[in-house]
Amino acid sequence: MSEELHITSLVVRAEPSLLASVRRVVASFAGAEIHGTDEATGRMVVTLEGPTQRTVLDQLALIEQAPGVLSAAMVYQHAEPLASLNTELTHVDPS
């Protein structure tokens, strides 16, 4: 079985007063990145990367259980073999 990379994007909604705490939880995961936050509404856009689907789903579950989190909704999930990420892409001129 070849190694894979799993990428999941989420929208997390938290109590605005606890947003900093939720940010720390998300930032504690290897492969996690916070792309944007709205302090007023407590919303964050997050991506999680990991070697298996189980890894990112476990991280999602931990985010959902973090104090102050109201919801964490998966928006997108992608997986592909690591070997394909090292393949050089070539541009084909359509003319």
PDB file of N, CA and C in Angstrom:
ATOM      1  N   MET A   1       0.846  -1.178   0.000  1.00  0.00           N
ATOM      2  CA  MET A   1       0.000   0.000   0.000  1.00  0.00           C
ATOM      3  C   MET A   1       0.892   1.242   0.000  1.00  0.00           C
ATOM      4  N   SER A   2       0.617   2.166  -0.898  1.00  0.00           N
ATOM      5  CA  SER A   2       1.450   3.366  -0.988  1.00  0.00           C
ATOM      6  C   SER A   2       1.029   4.389   0.065  1.00  0.00           C
ATOM      7  N   GLU A   3       1.983   5.234   0.428  1.00  0.00           N
ATOM      8  CA  GLU A   3       1.699   6.291   1.389  1.00  0.00           C
ATOM      9  C   GLU A   3       0.809   7.335   0.739  1.00  0.00           C
ATOM     10  N   GLU A   4      -0.069   7.930   1.548  1.00  0.00           N
ATOM     11  CA  GLU A   4      -1.008   8.916   1.036  1.00  0.00           C
ATOM     12  C   GLU A   4      -0.937  10.198   1.849  1.00  0.00           C
ATOM     13  N   LEU A   5      -1.494  11.249   1.273  1.00  0.00           N
ATOM     14  CA  LEU A   5      -1.699  12.501   1.981  1.00  0.00           C
ATOM     15  C   LEU A   5      -3.188  12.791   1.940  1.00  0.00           C
ATOM     16  N   HIS A   6      -3.766  13.029   3.106  1.00  0.00           N
ATOM     17  CA  HIS A   6      -5.181  13.369   3.225  1.00  0.00           C
ATOM     18  C   HIS A   6      -5.275  14.826   3.657  1.00  0.00           C
ATOM     19  N   ILE A   7      -6.100  15.583   2.941  1.00  0.00           N
ATOM     20  CA  ILE A   7      -6.297  17.003   3.227  1.00  0.00           C
ATOM     21  C   ILE A   7      -7.789  17.227   3.434  1.00  0.00           C
ATOM     22  N   THR A   8      -8.124  17.864   4.533  1.00  0.00           N
ATOM     23  CA  THR A   8      -9.518  18.159   4.861  1.00  0.00           C
ATOM     24  C   THR A   8      -9.638  19.630   5.229  1.00  0.00           C
ATOM     25  N   SER A   9     -10.667  20.282   4.705  1.00  0.00           N
ATOM     26  CA  SER A   9     -10.919  21.665   5.117  1.00  0.00           C
ATOM     27  C   SER A   9     -12.180  21.700   5.964  1.00  0.00           C
ATOM     28  N   LEU A  10     -12.175  22.625   6.934  1.00  0.00           N
ATOM     29  CA  LEU A  10     -13.279  22.734   7.892  1.00  0.00           C
ATOM     30  C   LEU A  10     -13.662  24.186   8.089  1.00  0.00           C
ATOM     31  N   VAL A  11     -14.896  24.369   8.474  1.00  0.00           N
ATOM     32  CA  VAL A  11     -15.323  25.642   9.042  1.00  0.00           C
ATOM     33  C   VAL A  11     -15.668  25.339  10.496  1.00  0.00           C
ATOM     34  N   VAL A  12     -14.971  26.019  11.392  1.00  0.00           N
ATOM     35  CA  VAL A  12     -15.175  25.824  12.832  1.00  0.00           C
ATOM     36  C   VAL A  12     -15.870  27.063  13.368  1.00  0.00           C
ATOM     37  N   ARG A  13     -16.906  26.846  14.168  1.00  0.00           N
ATOM     38  CA  ARG A  13     -17.604  27.957  14.816  1.00  0.00           C
ATOM     39  C   ARG A  13     -17.458  27.784  16.317  1.00  0.00           C
ATOM     40  N   ALA A  14     -16.962  28.838  16.972  1.00  0.00           N
ATOM     41  CA  ALA A  14     -16.699  28.783  18.412  1.00  0.00           C
ATOM     42  C   ALA A  14     -17.306  29.996  19.097  1.00  0.00           C
ATOM     43  N   GLU A  15     -17.456  29.877  20.403  1.00  0.00           N
ATOM     44  CA  GLU A  15     -17.839  31.043  21.195  1.00  0.00           C
ATOM     45  C   GLU A  15     -16.757  32.102  20.975  1.00  0.00           C
ATOM     46  N   PRO A  16     -17.115  33.305  20.551  1.00  0.00           N
ATOM     47  CA  PRO A  16     -16.085  34.320  20.287  1.00  0.00           C
ATOM     48  C   PRO A  16     -15.142  34.552  21.467  1.00  0.00           C
ATOM     49  N   SER A  17     -15.639  34.467  22.673  1.00  0.00           N
ATOM     50  CA  SER A  17     -14.779  34.697  23.842  1.00  0.00           C
ATOM     51  C   SER A  17     -13.763  33.577  24.058  1.00  0.00           C
ATOM     52  N   LEU A  18     -13.972  32.412  23.432  1.00  0.00           N
ATOM     53  CA  LEU A  18     -13.067  31.268  23.587  1.00  0.00           C
ATOM     54  C   LEU A  18     -12.300  30.960  22.302  1.00  0.00           C
ATOM     55  N   LEU A  19     -12.372  31.856  21.328  1.00  0.00           N
ATOM     56  CA  LEU A  19     -11.741  31.613  20.036  1.00  0.00           C
ATOM     57  C   LEU A  19     -10.229  31.407  20.161  1.00  0.00           C
ATOM     58  N   ALA A  20      -9.564  32.182  21.000  1.00  0.00           N
ATOM     59  CA  ALA A  20      -8.109  32.026  21.166  1.00  0.00           C
ATOM     60  C   ALA A  20      -7.760  30.633  21.680  1.00  0.00           C
ATOM     61  N   SER A  21      -8.558  30.118  22.586  1.00  0.00           N
ATOM     62  CA  SER A  21      -8.336  28.776  23.132  1.00  0.00           C
ATOM     63  C   SER A  21      -8.536  27.710  22.047  1.00  0.00           C
ATOM     64  N   VAL A  22      -9.560  27.887  21.234  1.00  0.00           N
ATOM     65  CA  VAL A  22      -9.824  26.939  20.148  1.00  0.00           C
ATOM     66  C   VAL A  22      -8.689  26.995  19.126  1.00  0.00           C
ATOM     67  N   ARG A  23      -8.192  28.195  18.846  1.00  0.00           N
ATOM     68  CA  ARG A  23      -7.053  28.344  17.937  1.00  0.00           C
ATOM     69  C   ARG A  23      -5.853  27.533  18.429  1.00  0.00           C
ATOM     70  N   ARG A  24      -5.598  27.581  19.736  1.00  0.00           N
ATOM     71  CA  ARG A  24      -4.465  26.838  20.298  1.00  0.00           C
ATOM     72  C   ARG A  24      -4.657  25.331  20.119  1.00  0.00           C
ATOM     73  N   VAL A  25      -5.881  24.858  20.291  1.00  0.00           N
ATOM     74  CA  VAL A  25      -6.158  23.429  20.086  1.00  0.00           C
ATOM     75  C   VAL A  25      -5.844  23.045  18.647  1.00  0.00           C
ATOM     76  N   VAL A  26      -6.359  23.814  17.698  1.00  0.00           N
ATOM     77  CA  VAL A  26      -6.132  23.510  16.279  1.00  0.00           C
ATOM     78  C   VAL A  26      -4.640  23.572  15.952  1.00  0.00           C
ATOM     79  N   ALA A  27      -3.959  24.602  16.422  1.00  0.00           N
ATOM     80  CA  ALA A  27      -2.535  24.780  16.125  1.00  0.00           C
ATOM     81  C   ALA A  27      -1.665  23.676  16.722  1.00  0.00           C
ATOM     82  N   SER A  28      -2.184  22.941  17.691  1.00  0.00           N
ATOM     83  CA  SER A  28      -1.399  21.878  18.326  1.00  0.00           C
ATOM     84  C   SER A  28      -1.261  20.642  17.438  1.00  0.00           C
ATOM     85  N   PHE A  29      -2.047  20.534  16.387  1.00  0.00           N
ATOM     86  CA  PHE A  29      -2.005  19.365  15.508  1.00  0.00           C
ATOM     87  C   PHE A  29      -0.972  19.554  14.402  1.00  0.00           C
ATOM     88  N   ALA A  30      -0.131  18.541  14.210  1.00  0.00           N
ATOM     89  CA  ALA A  30       0.793  18.563  13.077  1.00  0.00           C
ATOM     90  C   ALA A  30      -0.038  18.588  11.798  1.00  0.00           C
ATOM     91  N   GLY A  31       0.319  19.444  10.868  1.00  0.00           N
ATOM     92  CA  GLY A  31      -0.390  19.505   9.594  1.00  0.00           C
ATOM     93  C   GLY A  31      -1.635  20.373   9.614  1.00  0.00           C
ATOM     94  N   ALA A  32      -1.915  21.042  10.730  1.00  0.00           N
ATOM     95  CA  ALA A  32      -3.090  21.918  10.808  1.00  0.00           C
ATOM     96  C   ALA A  32      -2.695  23.339  10.456  1.00  0.00           C
ATOM     97  N   GLU A  33      -3.593  24.032   9.773  1.00  0.00           N
ATOM     98  CA  GLU A  33      -3.354  25.433   9.446  1.00  0.00           C
ATOM     99  C   GLU A  33      -4.668  26.200   9.538  1.00  0.00           C
ATOM    100  N   ILE A  34      -4.601  27.353  10.168  1.00  0.00           N
ATOM    101  CA  ILE A  34      -5.761  28.237  10.260  1.00  0.00           C
ATOM    102  C   ILE A  34      -5.592  29.290   9.176  1.00  0.00           C
ATOM    103  N   HIS A  35      -6.546  29.361   8.270  1.00  0.00           N
ATOM    104  CA  HIS A  35      -6.433  30.261   7.117  1.00  0.00           C
ATOM    105  C   HIS A  35      -7.138  31.592   7.337  1.00  0.00           C
ATOM    106  N   GLY A  36      -8.060  31.623   8.268  1.00  0.00           N
ATOM    107  CA  GLY A  36      -8.764  32.869   8.534  1.00  0.00           C
ATOM    108  C   GLY A  36      -9.666  32.729   9.738  1.00  0.00           C
ATOM    109  N   THR A  37      -9.881  33.851  10.410  1.00  0.00           N
ATOM    110  CA  THR A  37     -10.787  33.864  11.558  1.00  0.00           C
ATOM    111  C   THR A  37     -11.634  35.117  11.510  1.00  0.00           C
ATOM    112  N   ASP A  38     -12.784  35.030  12.119  1.00  0.00           N
ATOM    113  CA  ASP A  38     -13.656  36.182  12.310  1.00  0.00           C
ATOM    114  C   ASP A  38     -13.906  36.285  13.809  1.00  0.00           C
ATOM    115  N   GLU A  39     -13.247  37.238  14.428  1.00  0.00           N
ATOM    116  CA  GLU A  39     -13.328  37.402  15.883  1.00  0.00           C
ATOM    117  C   GLU A  39     -14.757  37.643  16.361  1.00  0.00           C
ATOM    118  N   ALA A  40     -15.535  38.384  15.579  1.00  0.00           N
ATOM    119  CA  ALA A  40     -16.889  38.748  15.999  1.00  0.00           C
ATOM    120  C   ALA A  40     -17.833  37.552  16.031  1.00  0.00           C
ATOM    121  N   THR A  41     -17.687  36.650  15.051  1.00  0.00           N
ATOM    122  CA  THR A  41     -18.604  35.505  14.978  1.00  0.00           C
ATOM    123  C   THR A  41     -18.006  34.217  15.531  1.00  0.00           C
ATOM    124  N   GLY A  42     -16.685  34.208  15.740  1.00  0.00           N
ATOM    125  CA  GLY A  42     -16.023  33.004  16.232  1.00  0.00           C
ATOM    126  C   GLY A  42     -15.797  31.951  15.167  1.00  0.00           C
ATOM    127  N   ARG A  43     -15.824  32.351  13.903  1.00  0.00           N
ATOM    128  CA  ARG A  43     -15.628  31.385  12.816  1.00  0.00           C
ATOM    129  C   ARG A  43     -14.161  31.317  12.404  1.00  0.00           C
ATOM    130  N   MET A  44     -13.743  30.103  12.023  1.00  0.00           N
ATOM    131  CA  MET A  44     -12.388  29.869  11.521  1.00  0.00           C
ATOM    132  C   MET A  44     -12.452  28.942  10.312  1.00  0.00           C
ATOM    133  N   VAL A  45     -11.551  29.177   9.368  1.00  0.00           N
ATOM    134  CA  VAL A  45     -11.355  28.268   8.243  1.00  0.00           C
ATOM    135  C   VAL A  45     -10.048  27.540   8.513  1.00  0.00           C
ATOM    136  N   VAL A  46     -10.107  26.211   8.487  1.00  0.00           N
ATOM    137  CA  VAL A  46      -8.978  25.366   8.906  1.00  0.00           C
ATOM    138  C   VAL A  46      -8.738  24.286   7.870  1.00  0.00           C
ATOM    139  N   THR A  47      -7.473  23.930   7.660  1.00  0.00           N
ATOM    140  CA  THR A  47      -7.168  22.704   6.927  1.00  0.00           C
ATOM    141  C   THR A  47      -6.365  21.784   7.837  1.00  0.00           C
ATOM    142  N   LEU A  48      -6.609  20.503   7.673  1.00  0.00           N
ATOM    143  CA  LEU A  48      -5.880  19.452   8.378  1.00  0.00           C
ATOM    144  C   LEU A  48      -5.253  18.550   7.328  1.00  0.00           C
ATOM    145  N   GLU A  49      -3.997  18.179   7.542  1.00  0.00           N
ATOM    146  CA  GLU A  49      -3.315  17.242   6.651  1.00  0.00           C
ATOM    147  C   GLU A  49      -2.769  16.100   7.483  1.00  0.00           C
ATOM    148  N   GLY A  50      -2.875  14.892   6.941  1.00  0.00           N
ATOM    149  CA  GLY A  50      -2.343  13.742   7.649  1.00  0.00           C
ATOM    150  C   GLY A  50      -2.156  12.555   6.726  1.00  0.00           C
ATOM    151  N   PRO A  51      -1.507  11.518   7.213  1.00  0.00           N
ATOM    152  CA  PRO A  51      -1.187  10.353   6.382  1.00  0.00           C
ATOM    153  C   PRO A  51      -2.373   9.411   6.149  1.00  0.00           C
ATOM    154  N   THR A  52      -3.425   9.546   6.967  1.00  0.00           N
ATOM    155  CA  THR A  52      -4.595   8.673   6.812  1.00  0.00           C
ATOM    156  C   THR A  52      -5.873   9.468   7.046  1.00  0.00           C
ATOM    157  N   GLN A  53      -6.956   8.938   6.537  1.00  0.00           N
ATOM    158  CA  GLN A  53      -8.259   9.545   6.779  1.00  0.00           C
ATOM    159  C   GLN A  53      -8.560   9.530   8.284  1.00  0.00           C
ATOM    160  N   ARG A  54      -8.193   8.446   8.952  1.00  0.00           N
ATOM    161  CA  ARG A  54      -8.436   8.314  10.393  1.00  0.00           C
ATOM    162  C   ARG A  54      -7.732   9.442  11.153  1.00  0.00           C
ATOM    163  N   THR A  55      -6.514   9.800  10.746  1.00  0.00           N
ATOM    164  CA  THR A  55      -5.773  10.874  11.415  1.00  0.00           C
ATOM    165  C   THR A  55      -6.566  12.175  11.394  1.00  0.00           C
ATOM    166  N   VAL A  56      -7.031  12.572  10.221  1.00  0.00           N
ATOM    167  CA  VAL A  56      -7.736  13.854  10.139  1.00  0.00           C
ATOM    168  C   VAL A  56      -9.115  13.776  10.798  1.00  0.00           C
ATOM    169  N   LEU A  57      -9.768  12.618  10.731  1.00  0.00           N
ATOM    170  CA  LEU A  57     -11.068  12.489  11.407  1.00  0.00           C
ATOM    171  C   LEU A  57     -10.913  12.516  12.929  1.00  0.00           C
ATOM    172  N   ASP A  58      -9.834  11.939  13.440  1.00  0.00           N
ATOM    173  CA  ASP A  58      -9.567  12.005  14.881  1.00  0.00           C
ATOM    174  C   ASP A  58      -9.316  13.451  15.310  1.00  0.00           C
ATOM    175  N   GLN A  59      -8.567  14.187  14.494  1.00  0.00           N
ATOM    176  CA  GLN A  59      -8.320  15.596  14.805  1.00  0.00           C
ATOM    177  C   GLN A  59      -9.625  16.393  14.763  1.00  0.00           C
ATOM    178  N   LEU A  60     -10.460  16.128  13.776  1.00  0.00           N
ATOM    179  CA  LEU A  60     -11.767  16.784  13.688  1.00  0.00           C
ATOM    180  C   LEU A  60     -12.577  16.511  14.948  1.00  0.00           C
ATOM    181  N   ALA A  61     -12.583  15.277  15.414  1.00  0.00           N
ATOM    182  CA  ALA A  61     -13.335  14.924  16.626  1.00  0.00           C
ATOM    183  C   ALA A  61     -12.803  15.682  17.840  1.00  0.00           C
ATOM    184  N   LEU A  62     -11.482  15.826  17.932  1.00  0.00           N
ATOM    185  CA  LEU A  62     -10.902  16.572  19.056  1.00  0.00           C
ATOM    186  C   LEU A  62     -11.261  18.054  18.984  1.00  0.00           C
ATOM    187  N   ILE A  63     -11.316  18.601  17.786  1.00  0.00           N
ATOM    188  CA  ILE A  63     -11.738  20.002  17.630  1.00  0.00           C
ATOM    189  C   ILE A  63     -13.191  20.150  18.069  1.00  0.00           C
ATOM    190  N   GLU A  64     -14.039  19.237  17.627  1.00  0.00           N
ATOM    191  CA  GLU A  64     -15.460  19.298  17.994  1.00  0.00           C
ATOM    192  C   GLU A  64     -15.662  19.248  19.506  1.00  0.00           C
ATOM    193  N   GLN A  65     -14.795  18.531  20.221  1.00  0.00           N
ATOM    194  CA  GLN A  65     -14.921  18.364  21.664  1.00  0.00           C
ATOM    195  C   GLN A  65     -14.239  19.466  22.469  1.00  0.00           C
ATOM    196  N   ALA A  66     -13.499  20.345  21.794  1.00  0.00           N
ATOM    197  CA  ALA A  66     -12.765  21.394  22.510  1.00  0.00           C
ATOM    198  C   ALA A  66     -13.744  22.375  23.162  1.00  0.00           C
ATOM    199  N   PRO A  67     -13.436  22.825  24.368  1.00  0.00           N
ATOM    200  CA  PRO A  67     -14.298  23.793  25.042  1.00  0.00           C
ATOM    201  C   PRO A  67     -14.489  25.047  24.181  1.00  0.00           C
ATOM    202  N   GLY A  68     -15.730  25.441  24.040  1.00  0.00           N
ATOM    203  CA  GLY A  68     -16.050  26.641  23.277  1.00  0.00           C
ATOM    204  C   GLY A  68     -16.453  26.383  21.842  1.00  0.00           C
ATOM    205  N   VAL A  69     -16.206  25.167  21.321  1.00  0.00           N
ATOM    206  CA  VAL A  69     -16.560  24.868  19.934  1.00  0.00           C
ATOM    207  C   VAL A  69     -18.059  24.587  19.850  1.00  0.00           C
ATOM    208  N   LEU A  70     -18.721  25.315  18.958  1.00  0.00           N
ATOM    209  CA  LEU A  70     -20.150  25.116  18.730  1.00  0.00           C
ATOM    210  C   LEU A  70     -20.385  24.124  17.602  1.00  0.00           C
ATOM    211  N   SER A  71     -19.524  24.172  16.572  1.00  0.00           N
ATOM    212  CA  SER A  71     -19.626  23.224  15.466  1.00  0.00           C
ATOM    213  C   SER A  71     -18.317  23.200  14.696  1.00  0.00           C
ATOM    214  N   ALA A  72     -18.086  22.087  14.024  1.00  0.00           N
ATOM    215  CA  ALA A  72     -16.942  21.939  13.128  1.00  0.00           C
ATOM    216  C   ALA A  72     -17.445  21.131  11.936  1.00  0.00           C
ATOM    217  N   ALA A  73     -17.544  21.783  10.794  1.00  0.00           N
ATOM    218  CA  ALA A  73     -18.124  21.149   9.614  1.00  0.00           C
ATOM    219  C   ALA A  73     -17.059  20.919   8.549  1.00  0.00           C
ATOM    220  N   MET A  74     -16.934  19.661   8.124  1.00  0.00           N
ATOM    221  CA  MET A  74     -16.011  19.331   7.055  1.00  0.00           C
ATOM    222  C   MET A  74     -16.597  19.859   5.747  1.00  0.00           C
ATOM    223  N   VAL A  75     -15.779  20.594   5.014  1.00  0.00           N
ATOM    224  CA  VAL A  75     -16.228  21.187   3.757  1.00  0.00           C
ATOM    225  C   VAL A  75     -15.684  20.411   2.569  1.00  0.00           C
ATOM    226  N   TYR A  76     -14.454  19.907   2.708  1.00  0.00           N
ATOM    227  CA  TYR A  76     -13.788  19.258   1.586  1.00  0.00           C
ATOM    228  C   TYR A  76     -12.812  18.224   2.124  1.00  0.00           C
ATOM    229  N   GLN A  77     -12.667  17.104   1.392  1.00  0.00           N
ATOM    230  CA  GLN A  77     -11.683  16.089   1.760  1.00  0.00           C
ATOM    231  C   GLN A  77     -11.053  15.572   0.478  1.00  0.00           C
ATOM    232  N   HIS A  78      -9.733  15.451   0.506  1.00  0.00           N
ATOM    233  CA  HIS A  78      -8.999  14.974  -0.670  1.00  0.00           C
ATOM    234  C   HIS A  78      -7.899  14.033  -0.203  1.00  0.00           C
ATOM    235  N   ALA A  79      -7.639  13.004  -0.996  1.00  0.00           N
ATOM    236  CA  ALA A  79      -6.528  12.089  -0.709  1.00  0.00           C
ATOM    237  C   ALA A  79      -5.854  11.714  -2.014  1.00  0.00           C
ATOM    238  N   GLU A  80      -4.529  11.595  -1.947  1.00  0.00           N
ATOM    239  CA  GLU A  80      -3.794  11.109  -3.103  1.00  0.00           C
ATOM    240  C   GLU A  80      -2.472  10.518  -2.648  1.00  0.00           C
ATOM    241  N   PRO A  81      -1.912   9.632  -3.470  1.00  0.00           N
ATOM    242  CA  PRO A  81      -0.628   9.034  -3.119  1.00  0.00           C
ATOM    243  C   PRO A  81       0.456  10.109  -3.045  1.00  0.00           C
ATOM    244  N   LEU A  82       1.341   9.964  -2.073  1.00  0.00           N
ATOM    245  CA  LEU A  82       2.441  10.921  -1.939  1.00  0.00           C
ATOM    246  C   LEU A  82       3.295  10.957  -3.202  1.00  0.00           C
ATOM    247  N   ALA A  83       3.467   9.839  -3.845  1.00  0.00           N
ATOM    248  CA  ALA A  83       4.289   9.782  -5.055  1.00  0.00           C
ATOM    249  C   ALA A  83       3.753  10.719  -6.131  1.00  0.00           C
ATOM    250  N   SER A  84       2.446  10.861  -6.224  1.00  0.00           N
ATOM    251  CA  SER A  84       1.883  11.740  -7.255  1.00  0.00           C
ATOM    252  C   SER A  84       2.158  13.209  -6.960  1.00  0.00           C
ATOM    253  N   LEU A  85       2.382  13.544  -5.698  1.00  0.00           N
ATOM    254  CA  LEU A  85       2.687  14.930  -5.349  1.00  0.00           C
ATOM    255  C   LEU A  85       4.092  15.321  -5.798  1.00  0.00           C
ATOM    256  N   ASN A  86       4.933  14.332  -6.033  1.00  0.00           N
ATOM    257  CA  ASN A  86       6.299  14.591  -6.479  1.00  0.00           C
ATOM    258  C   ASN A  86       6.437  14.542  -7.991  1.00  0.00           C
ATOM    259  N   THR A  87       5.324  14.362  -8.688  1.00  0.00           N
ATOM    260  CA  THR A  87       5.330  14.307 -10.141  1.00  0.00           C
ATOM    261  C   THR A  87       5.288  15.724 -10.692  1.00  0.00           C
ATOM    262  N   GLU A  88       6.198  16.032 -11.598  1.00  0.00           N
ATOM    263  CA  GLU A  88       6.221  17.358 -12.183  1.00  0.00           C
ATOM    264  C   GLU A  88       5.062  17.504 -13.158  1.00  0.00           C
ATOM    265  N   LEU A  89       4.336  18.594 -13.046  1.00  0.00           N
ATOM    266  CA  LEU A  89       3.234  18.889 -13.948  1.00  0.00           C
ATOM    267  C   LEU A  89       3.784  19.626 -15.153  1.00  0.00           C
ATOM    268  N   THR A  90       3.243  19.291 -16.314  1.00  0.00           N
ATOM    269  CA  THR A  90       3.661  19.985 -17.519  1.00  0.00           C
ATOM    270  C   THR A  90       2.473  20.717 -18.109  1.00  0.00           C
ATOM    271  N   HIS A  91       2.771  21.836 -18.700  1.00  0.00           N
ATOM    272  CA  HIS A  91       1.726  22.650 -19.335  1.00  0.00           C
ATOM    273  C   HIS A  91       1.594  22.218 -20.777  1.00  0.00           C
ATOM    274  N   VAL A  92       0.372  21.980 -21.209  1.00  0.00           N
ATOM    275  CA  VAL A  92       0.115  21.625 -22.591  1.00  0.00           C
ATOM    276  C   VAL A  92      -0.558  22.814 -23.250  1.00  0.00           C
ATOM    277  N   ASP A  93       0.055  23.318 -24.303  1.00  0.00           N
ATOM    278  CA  ASP A  93      -0.502  24.452 -25.048  1.00  0.00           C
ATOM    279  C   ASP A  93      -1.642  23.925 -25.920  1.00  0.00           C
ATOM    280  N   PRO A  94      -2.873  24.411 -25.717  1.00  0.00           N
ATOM    281  CA  PRO A  94      -4.013  23.890 -26.459  1.00  0.00           C
ATOM    282  C   PRO A  94      -4.023  24.288 -27.934  1.00  0.00           C
ATOM    283  N   SER A  95      -3.157  25.169 -28.378  1.00  0.00           N
ATOM    284  CA  SER A  95      -3.197  25.600 -29.782  1.00  0.00           C
ATOM    285  C   SER A  95      -2.452  24.684 -30.705  1.00  0.00           C
TER     286      SER A  95
END
